[in-house]
Each structure stands twice: as structure tokens, then as C-alpha cells.
N, C-alpha and C. Protein backbone atom coordinates (compact mmCIF):
# COMPACT_ATOMS: atom_id res chain seq x y z
N MET A 1 -47.56 -30.26 12.11
CA MET A 1 -47.93 -31.40 11.08
C MET A 1 -49.10 -32.20 11.28
N THR A 2 -48.80 -32.79 10.20
CA THR A 2 -50.22 -33.85 9.92
C THR A 2 -49.95 -35.14 10.85
N LYS A 3 -50.96 -35.33 11.26
CA LYS A 3 -51.39 -36.62 12.02
C LYS A 3 -51.57 -37.68 11.28
N LYS A 4 -50.86 -38.77 11.91
CA LYS A 4 -50.82 -40.23 11.46
C LYS A 4 -51.69 -41.30 12.18
N ILE A 5 -52.16 -42.22 11.17
CA ILE A 5 -53.14 -43.15 11.63
C ILE A 5 -52.96 -44.22 10.84
N LEU A 6 -52.81 -45.43 11.61
CA LEU A 6 -52.07 -46.72 11.28
C LEU A 6 -53.73 -47.68 11.34
N ILE A 7 -54.27 -48.02 10.23
CA ILE A 7 -55.79 -49.01 10.45
C ILE A 7 -55.01 -50.19 9.81
N ALA A 8 -55.42 -51.44 10.78
CA ALA A 8 -54.83 -52.77 10.43
C ALA A 8 -56.25 -53.51 10.17
N ASP A 9 -56.69 -53.98 8.96
CA ASP A 9 -58.04 -54.33 9.12
C ASP A 9 -57.77 -55.17 7.36
N SER A 10 -58.55 -56.70 7.68
CA SER A 10 -58.54 -57.53 6.91
C SER A 10 -59.37 -57.64 5.44
N ASP A 11 -60.30 -56.78 5.40
CA ASP A 11 -61.08 -56.55 4.80
C ASP A 11 -60.87 -54.81 3.84
N PRO A 12 -60.35 -55.05 2.59
CA PRO A 12 -59.94 -54.55 2.09
C PRO A 12 -60.92 -52.65 1.61
N LEU A 13 -62.20 -53.37 1.74
CA LEU A 13 -62.84 -52.36 1.35
C LEU A 13 -63.65 -51.33 2.37
N PHE A 14 -63.05 -52.02 3.33
CA PHE A 14 -63.36 -51.59 4.87
C PHE A 14 -62.30 -50.31 4.94
N LEU A 15 -61.01 -51.05 4.65
CA LEU A 15 -59.86 -49.92 4.70
C LEU A 15 -59.74 -48.76 4.07
N GLU A 16 -60.27 -49.12 2.52
CA GLU A 16 -60.52 -48.09 1.52
C GLU A 16 -61.51 -47.28 2.20
N THR A 17 -62.91 -47.49 2.08
CA THR A 17 -63.90 -46.54 3.04
C THR A 17 -63.54 -45.84 4.19
N ILE A 18 -62.60 -46.68 5.13
CA ILE A 18 -62.55 -45.70 6.35
C ILE A 18 -61.23 -44.57 5.62
N ALA A 19 -60.55 -45.11 5.19
CA ALA A 19 -59.37 -44.36 4.94
C ALA A 19 -59.38 -43.31 4.01
N THR A 20 -60.70 -43.31 3.25
CA THR A 20 -61.18 -41.77 2.44
C THR A 20 -61.59 -41.25 3.58
N GLN A 21 -62.76 -41.85 4.01
CA GLN A 21 -63.42 -40.48 5.11
C GLN A 21 -62.48 -39.78 5.87
N ILE A 22 -61.28 -40.50 6.64
CA ILE A 22 -60.48 -40.07 7.36
C ILE A 22 -59.77 -38.68 6.30
N LYS A 23 -59.59 -38.97 5.36
CA LYS A 23 -58.31 -38.26 4.92
C LYS A 23 -59.24 -36.95 4.03
N ASP A 24 -60.43 -37.70 3.45
CA ASP A 24 -61.33 -36.32 2.74
C ASP A 24 -61.85 -35.46 3.92
N ASN A 25 -62.35 -36.53 5.14
CA ASN A 25 -63.08 -35.89 6.13
C ASN A 25 -62.25 -34.97 7.22
N ARG A 26 -61.34 -35.37 7.55
CA ARG A 26 -60.14 -35.20 8.79
C ARG A 26 -58.77 -34.61 8.52
N GLY A 27 -58.49 -34.88 7.03
CA GLY A 27 -57.21 -34.31 6.79
C GLY A 27 -55.93 -34.95 7.48
N TYR A 28 -56.09 -36.02 7.98
CA TYR A 28 -54.72 -37.10 8.54
C TYR A 28 -54.44 -37.68 7.61
N GLU A 29 -52.85 -38.38 7.83
CA GLU A 29 -52.11 -38.98 6.92
C GLU A 29 -52.85 -40.62 7.48
N VAL A 30 -52.87 -41.59 6.66
CA VAL A 30 -53.92 -42.92 6.70
C VAL A 30 -52.51 -43.88 6.62
N ILE A 31 -52.39 -44.60 7.14
CA ILE A 31 -51.13 -45.98 6.50
C ILE A 31 -52.06 -47.35 6.74
N THR A 32 -51.74 -47.97 6.01
CA THR A 32 -52.84 -49.66 6.25
C THR A 32 -52.03 -50.56 6.10
N ALA A 33 -52.66 -51.34 7.13
CA ALA A 33 -51.95 -53.05 7.03
C ALA A 33 -53.35 -53.86 6.55
N PHE A 34 -52.73 -55.30 6.19
CA PHE A 34 -53.88 -56.42 5.93
C PHE A 34 -53.72 -56.76 7.04
N ASP A 35 -52.85 -57.31 7.93
CA ASP A 35 -52.49 -58.28 8.70
C ASP A 35 -52.17 -57.95 9.83
N GLY A 36 -51.59 -58.61 10.77
CA GLY A 36 -51.13 -58.26 12.24
C GLY A 36 -49.51 -57.80 12.56
N MET A 37 -48.87 -58.73 11.12
CA MET A 37 -47.26 -58.67 10.84
C MET A 37 -47.21 -57.45 10.58
N GLU A 38 -47.85 -57.28 9.17
CA GLU A 38 -47.94 -55.64 8.34
C GLU A 38 -47.77 -54.59 9.07
N ALA A 39 -48.98 -54.51 10.35
CA ALA A 39 -49.44 -53.74 11.28
C ALA A 39 -48.02 -53.20 11.95
N LEU A 40 -48.06 -54.68 12.55
CA LEU A 40 -46.39 -54.18 13.62
C LEU A 40 -45.39 -53.50 12.84
N LYS A 41 -44.97 -54.29 11.71
CA LYS A 41 -43.92 -53.30 11.10
C LYS A 41 -43.85 -52.30 10.71
N LYS A 42 -45.49 -51.53 10.60
CA LYS A 42 -45.71 -50.16 10.07
C LYS A 42 -45.57 -49.45 11.39
N ALA A 43 -46.40 -50.16 12.21
CA ALA A 43 -46.28 -49.62 13.72
C ALA A 43 -44.93 -48.80 14.11
N ARG A 44 -43.98 -50.03 13.26
CA ARG A 44 -42.61 -49.24 14.07
C ARG A 44 -41.83 -48.50 13.49
N ARG A 45 -41.78 -48.44 12.45
CA ARG A 45 -41.49 -47.83 11.25
C ARG A 45 -41.81 -46.41 11.35
N GLU A 46 -43.16 -46.42 11.09
CA GLU A 46 -44.19 -45.24 11.02
C GLU A 46 -44.24 -44.03 11.98
N ASN A 47 -44.53 -44.83 13.11
CA ASN A 47 -44.96 -44.07 14.36
C ASN A 47 -45.96 -43.43 14.56
N PRO A 48 -47.39 -43.93 14.18
CA PRO A 48 -48.33 -43.52 13.86
C PRO A 48 -48.53 -43.05 15.19
N ASP A 49 -49.51 -41.88 15.24
CA ASP A 49 -49.92 -40.89 16.34
C ASP A 49 -51.30 -41.92 16.84
N ILE A 50 -51.91 -42.56 16.62
CA ILE A 50 -53.04 -43.39 16.99
C ILE A 50 -52.99 -44.95 16.13
N ILE A 51 -53.53 -46.24 16.57
CA ILE A 51 -53.58 -47.25 16.02
C ILE A 51 -54.90 -47.60 15.74
N ILE A 52 -55.67 -48.26 14.74
CA ILE A 52 -57.07 -49.13 15.15
C ILE A 52 -56.78 -50.37 14.51
N LEU A 53 -56.84 -51.06 15.43
CA LEU A 53 -56.81 -52.68 14.68
C LEU A 53 -58.30 -53.18 15.00
N GLU A 54 -57.83 -54.40 13.75
CA GLU A 54 -59.29 -55.13 14.15
C GLU A 54 -59.42 -56.18 14.56
N ASP A 55 -60.07 -56.76 15.62
CA ASP A 55 -59.32 -57.84 16.66
C ASP A 55 -59.29 -58.94 15.85
N THR A 56 -59.49 -59.24 14.75
CA THR A 56 -59.00 -60.56 14.09
C THR A 56 -58.19 -60.82 13.19
N LEU A 57 -57.27 -59.97 13.42
CA LEU A 57 -56.62 -59.74 12.14
C LEU A 57 -55.73 -61.04 12.30
N VAL A 58 -55.08 -61.48 11.02
CA VAL A 58 -54.60 -62.85 10.70
C VAL A 58 -52.75 -62.54 11.35
N PHE A 59 -52.22 -63.84 10.98
CA PHE A 59 -50.45 -63.85 11.84
C PHE A 59 -50.91 -63.27 13.04
N ILE A 60 -50.83 -61.86 13.52
CA ILE A 60 -51.23 -61.57 14.89
C ILE A 60 -52.33 -60.92 15.21
N ASP A 61 -52.97 -61.44 16.07
CA ASP A 61 -54.58 -60.85 16.38
C ASP A 61 -54.73 -59.61 16.74
N GLY A 62 -55.47 -58.82 16.71
CA GLY A 62 -55.59 -57.20 17.15
C GLY A 62 -55.44 -57.47 18.62
N PHE A 63 -55.82 -58.34 19.25
CA PHE A 63 -55.02 -58.30 21.17
C PHE A 63 -54.02 -58.57 21.10
N LYS A 64 -53.18 -59.47 20.57
CA LYS A 64 -51.42 -59.85 20.70
C LYS A 64 -51.23 -58.54 20.26
N LEU A 65 -51.48 -57.79 19.30
CA LEU A 65 -50.87 -57.01 18.89
C LEU A 65 -50.87 -55.96 19.58
N CYS A 66 -51.89 -55.54 20.30
CA CYS A 66 -52.09 -54.18 20.93
C CYS A 66 -51.55 -54.31 22.22
N ARG A 67 -51.12 -56.01 22.89
CA ARG A 67 -50.50 -55.86 23.76
C ARG A 67 -48.77 -55.86 23.62
N PHE A 68 -48.17 -56.14 22.60
CA PHE A 68 -47.06 -55.92 22.26
C PHE A 68 -46.52 -54.36 21.95
N LEU A 69 -47.59 -54.09 21.36
CA LEU A 69 -47.54 -52.39 21.14
C LEU A 69 -47.59 -51.48 22.50
N LYS A 70 -48.22 -52.13 23.44
CA LYS A 70 -48.26 -51.47 24.46
C LYS A 70 -47.51 -51.86 25.82
N PHE A 71 -46.62 -53.05 25.33
CA PHE A 71 -45.05 -53.33 26.00
C PHE A 71 -43.79 -52.84 25.54
N ASP A 72 -44.06 -51.78 24.55
CA ASP A 72 -43.04 -51.41 23.65
C ASP A 72 -42.97 -49.86 24.24
N LYS A 73 -41.58 -49.95 24.98
CA LYS A 73 -41.46 -48.80 25.57
C LYS A 73 -41.63 -47.19 24.53
N GLN A 74 -41.47 -47.68 23.25
CA GLN A 74 -41.42 -46.42 22.06
C GLN A 74 -42.58 -46.24 21.64
N ARG A 75 -43.76 -47.25 21.59
CA ARG A 75 -45.21 -46.99 21.50
C ARG A 75 -46.17 -47.02 22.42
N ARG A 76 -45.83 -47.34 23.47
CA ARG A 76 -47.02 -47.21 24.66
C ARG A 76 -47.49 -46.39 25.01
N HIS A 77 -47.21 -45.27 24.61
CA HIS A 77 -48.46 -43.99 24.53
C HIS A 77 -49.00 -43.91 23.17
N ILE A 78 -49.01 -44.65 22.63
CA ILE A 78 -49.79 -44.28 21.19
C ILE A 78 -51.14 -45.04 21.74
N PRO A 79 -52.47 -44.32 21.37
CA PRO A 79 -53.88 -44.37 21.69
C PRO A 79 -54.04 -45.66 20.58
N ILE A 80 -54.62 -46.91 21.16
CA ILE A 80 -54.88 -48.00 20.57
C ILE A 80 -56.99 -48.40 20.43
N ILE A 81 -57.69 -48.47 19.21
CA ILE A 81 -58.74 -48.74 19.63
C ILE A 81 -59.09 -50.14 18.53
N LEU A 82 -59.81 -50.74 19.71
CA LEU A 82 -59.83 -52.16 18.22
C LEU A 82 -60.90 -52.23 17.97
N LEU A 83 -61.28 -52.75 17.23
CA LEU A 83 -62.81 -53.20 16.26
C LEU A 83 -63.21 -54.41 16.32
N THR A 84 -64.37 -54.73 16.52
CA THR A 84 -65.11 -56.07 16.23
C THR A 84 -66.24 -55.81 16.06
N PRO A 85 -66.57 -57.40 15.21
CA PRO A 85 -67.88 -57.46 14.26
C PRO A 85 -69.02 -57.54 15.48
N HIS A 86 -69.01 -57.87 16.98
CA HIS A 86 -69.71 -58.18 17.82
C HIS A 86 -69.22 -57.94 19.10
N ILE A 87 -69.73 -56.92 20.45
CA ILE A 87 -69.00 -56.58 21.61
C ILE A 87 -69.41 -57.50 22.55
N SER A 88 -68.78 -58.68 23.18
CA SER A 88 -68.75 -59.36 23.93
C SER A 88 -68.10 -59.29 25.39
N ASP A 89 -68.98 -59.85 26.74
CA ASP A 89 -68.27 -59.44 27.90
C ASP A 89 -66.63 -59.44 28.01
N ALA A 90 -66.63 -60.82 27.46
CA ALA A 90 -65.22 -61.45 27.31
C ALA A 90 -64.18 -60.74 26.81
N ASN A 91 -64.74 -60.28 25.36
CA ASN A 91 -63.57 -59.67 24.55
C ASN A 91 -63.53 -58.20 24.89
N VAL A 92 -64.42 -57.51 25.55
CA VAL A 92 -64.09 -56.24 26.51
C VAL A 92 -63.13 -56.40 27.37
N ALA A 93 -63.60 -57.46 28.54
CA ALA A 93 -62.66 -57.32 29.19
C ALA A 93 -60.92 -57.75 28.96
N LEU A 94 -60.84 -58.45 27.77
CA LEU A 94 -59.44 -58.80 27.03
C LEU A 94 -58.82 -57.54 26.62
N ALA A 95 -59.91 -56.76 25.77
CA ALA A 95 -59.52 -55.54 25.25
C ALA A 95 -58.81 -54.59 26.28
N LYS A 96 -59.30 -54.76 27.45
CA LYS A 96 -58.69 -54.19 28.64
C LYS A 96 -57.49 -54.80 29.42
N GLU A 97 -57.56 -55.72 29.14
CA GLU A 97 -56.62 -56.59 29.84
C GLU A 97 -55.02 -56.19 28.77
N VAL A 98 -55.23 -56.18 27.55
CA VAL A 98 -54.41 -55.71 26.80
C VAL A 98 -53.83 -54.37 26.40
N GLY A 99 -54.51 -53.97 27.03
CA GLY A 99 -54.36 -52.27 26.81
C GLY A 99 -54.67 -51.19 26.09
N SER A 100 -55.75 -51.95 25.32
CA SER A 100 -56.58 -51.02 24.34
C SER A 100 -57.05 -49.90 24.98
N ASP A 101 -57.05 -48.64 24.25
CA ASP A 101 -57.61 -47.81 24.56
C ASP A 101 -59.02 -47.66 24.44
N ASP A 102 -59.56 -48.36 23.52
CA ASP A 102 -61.40 -48.31 23.30
C ASP A 102 -61.49 -49.85 22.70
N TYR A 103 -62.79 -49.92 22.94
CA TYR A 103 -63.22 -51.14 21.87
C TYR A 103 -63.99 -50.66 21.14
N LEU A 104 -64.39 -51.06 19.91
CA LEU A 104 -65.76 -50.45 19.28
C LEU A 104 -66.18 -51.56 18.18
N LEU A 105 -67.53 -51.28 17.93
CA LEU A 105 -68.13 -51.99 17.08
C LEU A 105 -67.18 -51.82 15.51
N HIS A 106 -66.88 -52.90 14.92
CA HIS A 106 -66.29 -52.73 13.48
C HIS A 106 -67.11 -51.79 12.23
N SER A 107 -67.26 -51.07 12.31
CA SER A 107 -68.26 -50.23 11.32
C SER A 107 -67.41 -48.97 11.05
N VAL A 108 -67.78 -48.17 9.62
CA VAL A 108 -67.28 -46.73 9.74
C VAL A 108 -68.59 -46.04 10.07
N ASN A 109 -68.51 -45.16 11.26
CA ASN A 109 -69.19 -44.16 11.50
C ASN A 109 -68.75 -43.44 12.40
N ASP A 110 -69.51 -42.44 12.30
CA ASP A 110 -69.02 -41.22 13.43
C ASP A 110 -68.51 -41.37 14.46
N ASN A 111 -68.93 -42.42 15.11
CA ASN A 111 -68.39 -42.70 16.68
C ASN A 111 -67.04 -42.74 16.64
N LEU A 112 -66.62 -43.63 15.81
CA LEU A 112 -65.31 -44.66 15.68
C LEU A 112 -64.62 -42.92 14.65
N LEU A 113 -65.17 -42.11 13.70
CA LEU A 113 -64.37 -40.78 13.49
C LEU A 113 -63.96 -39.31 14.63
N GLU A 114 -64.98 -39.57 15.73
CA GLU A 114 -65.18 -39.01 16.97
C GLU A 114 -64.15 -39.42 17.70
N LYS A 115 -63.57 -40.47 18.31
CA LYS A 115 -63.14 -41.01 18.85
C LYS A 115 -61.69 -40.78 18.22
N ILE A 116 -61.54 -40.81 17.23
CA ILE A 116 -60.26 -40.83 16.68
C ILE A 116 -59.57 -39.29 16.64
N ASP A 117 -60.50 -37.62 16.66
CA ASP A 117 -60.74 -36.91 16.80
C ASP A 117 -59.93 -36.76 18.33
N SER A 118 -61.16 -37.42 19.35
CA SER A 118 -60.91 -37.14 20.53
C SER A 118 -59.08 -37.38 21.16
N TYR A 119 -58.92 -38.29 20.56
CA TYR A 119 -57.54 -39.16 21.12
C TYR A 119 -56.66 -38.42 20.46
N LEU A 120 -56.77 -37.93 19.05
CA LEU A 120 -55.50 -36.67 18.65
C LEU A 120 -55.40 -35.84 19.53
N SER A 121 -56.70 -35.37 19.79
CA SER A 121 -56.52 -33.86 19.89
C SER A 121 -55.82 -33.94 21.38
N LYS A 122 -55.64 -35.07 22.41
CA LYS A 122 -54.52 -35.29 23.39
C LYS A 122 -53.15 -35.15 23.30
N THR A 123 -52.98 -35.32 21.83
CA THR A 123 -51.44 -35.82 21.83
C THR A 123 -51.20 -34.10 21.01
N ASP A 124 -51.81 -33.06 20.82
CA ASP A 124 -51.22 -31.91 20.62
C ASP A 124 -50.51 -31.72 21.57
């Protein structure tokens, strides 16, 4: 069965770029959302295998959304990677506090793709 990835980001160009790379290079199914509310609804409806969240999403930011999902008994097992434009000690601590599995710089790079592969290989 094809693995599903939910990516929530307010930047349509980033979403298009990362979704294309993941589909073309990895063959995973990609579900996208532009804000935290949409991401929460899709996470509940689609039950993705991994979730990638921008930390500064609107309506519900990535930190709060991560906390919601990690307290949800049906979804707490789903790995969540938070993305940020700049890493600070305070945000790293907050990311750990809300239960994120990883906290990476917001960019399309091999590190993100490798992290996705790593987490998805653990769910087989």
C-alpha cells in the first residue's frame, strides 16, 4: 500500500515543490493543506503515515496542531516533523514539548526527504 504524507504549509510554491519531489522521487501519496484547520481536518479524515507541518501555520499554528494530534489516541503514533524558517533554542524546546518527532529548517532538501523515508520505514 502506498504511504500517505500530509504536508501543511502556507506557501503554495513550497507545497507544490515538495509534493512533486516526494511523488516523483519517492512514489508516496501527498495530501496538502494551506492552514492548520484544514490540516487538522485532513489528518483526521485521511490518517496519513507521516505529517509535515510549518510551525507558523494560520488558524492553528504547527506547534498547537502537533499537540492536538499527539493527544489524539488514534493519531498519536503518527510521526510529525515541524518545519521552521529559523531554528532557535526556544522553538526547539517548544517542538519537543508539544511532541514533535523532528524539527527541521523549512526547505526542500535531501535531509527532509531522508527523514521522511526514515520515519516511513519504521511504520512498515
